[in-house]
Amino acid sequence: MSIFYLTPAKGDMPMYLLEDIVIKRLESLKSVINGNNLAYNEYLIEGSVYDNVGHFMLCIIAILGENNEFCHFFQKAETELFKLRIGCLSSYDLRCFAKKMLRCIKKYEPETSYITPLHIICQHLVLKYIAQHISQKHSNECDMYNIKVHFKHCLSFVSRRQVELTKGVATVPCGLWKQYLMLLFIKNLNQRLNTNLSPIQSDPRIEELLHKINKIFIPNLNEKMNILKSRDVDNASNLFPPCMLNLHRELRQRHRLSHSQRFYYSLFLKDIGMPVEEAIDFWRTEYRLTPRGSHSCCHSWEKDEKKFLYGIRHMYGLEGGRKNYTSVSCQRIQSIDNACTEGGCPFKSFDNINMVKLISKPTEALMSQIYEYKNRNQFTSACMLTLKERENFNTFSFNFNPVKYYMISSKTSPVCT
């Protein structure tokens, strides 16, 4: 068994135990989404049969339940759980993970979109010296080791210009390997959620379990996931990371954002808990107002309502190819040329005067540390300092991003009233 869930467990299990596994797993997934510490759960032990059964049963529920909100929650929570787990693996555990994956991969056809790159990366992670290097405090920009994969297997990296391309082959540095494993996990999960399960749809045991989940969990989904209402965004902005706080202030001041910055800000709001209906209300309210000052956006709600509605619903996976977009990382924000836009990472793209305006408590000691990180081009570390100062957090996971900043920041600070 593996935390990648390539193959389901086989065997018999009492129905009461199956129900208990599913409900306990849902409770743990809610804790993960809300940024709480993951309490011990005997059904969530990594690589156990119970862990495997819980994952695959929730996949079945997500497919047969046909509830977009639950499906979105499940995808997001399982991805966050995988990120948490892969980020905590020791070098020994990382090698064990790679060995298990290599054994499982043998049963799969190489044509499967994620199998070939997964095989390549695991062949490297199984090596002791590489596993030790990756499991230590590892920079996202490290390129001591690399793997070569066909560009079609890492299109998101290619689009962000995070990898080098040579004749259709992408060179992925080791600083991106954990992030790459997450992308492959998401591909695996999305493919599984498109499985045709009509043969078991009428199974009374499945129907009973679906009924219980719909009765116990679905009605409380909105309450448990800290839904962000359109009217509460100004309040919540006090907890935003500086990059998103800047976009929020720009929007409130000018009532417009450029296309790319509107896209990034929309995805951020989506991932911190704003449902599609609230997103439509938020952008409708803002884009009905008369724009102020110079701006590159020429749209208005009255003229482009259909385009706005489609764009927002598309971001939530409800239109077009039904891809569920997620917000961008700090690395992505820092890699973009923001010379002609209002966005970007304040610690990289702004002068000191404008950067200070976005920091809640710019003490002399804090700013001295931030300037030091900024001069060393460690922009994410500078951003982390503002959160550390505010919430007294000492550790962060390997894949820091604006959503994680907000989740940690809001953990002890109620936003919505």
Foldseek 3Di string as FASTA:
>chain_A
DALLLPDADDDDDDLVVLLVLQVVVVVQLLCLLLVHDRDDDPLCPGPDNSNRSNLVLLLVLLQLVVDLLSVVSSLVSSLSVLLVVVLQDALVRQLVNLVVLLVSLVVDDPVQLLSVVSVQLSVQSNDSVSSNQLNPQHALLAQPDWTKDFCVSPVVCVVLVVFDDDPRITIGGSSCSSVSSSVSSSSSSVVSSPDDPVVCSPPVSSVVSSVVCVVPPVVCPLVSNQADALVQVVLLLVQFQLQLVQVVVQCVQFLDFPPVSVVQNLQLNVSSHYDLVRSLVNNLVSQCDHGDDDYDDPDGCVVCVVVVSQVSCVCCLNDDPSDPDHHDFLVSLQSDDCPPGSGGQCLAPNDPVVSVVSQDDPDPVLVVVSVVCSVVVVSVVNSVSSLCVQQVDDDDGNGHGRNVSSSSSCSPPDRDD
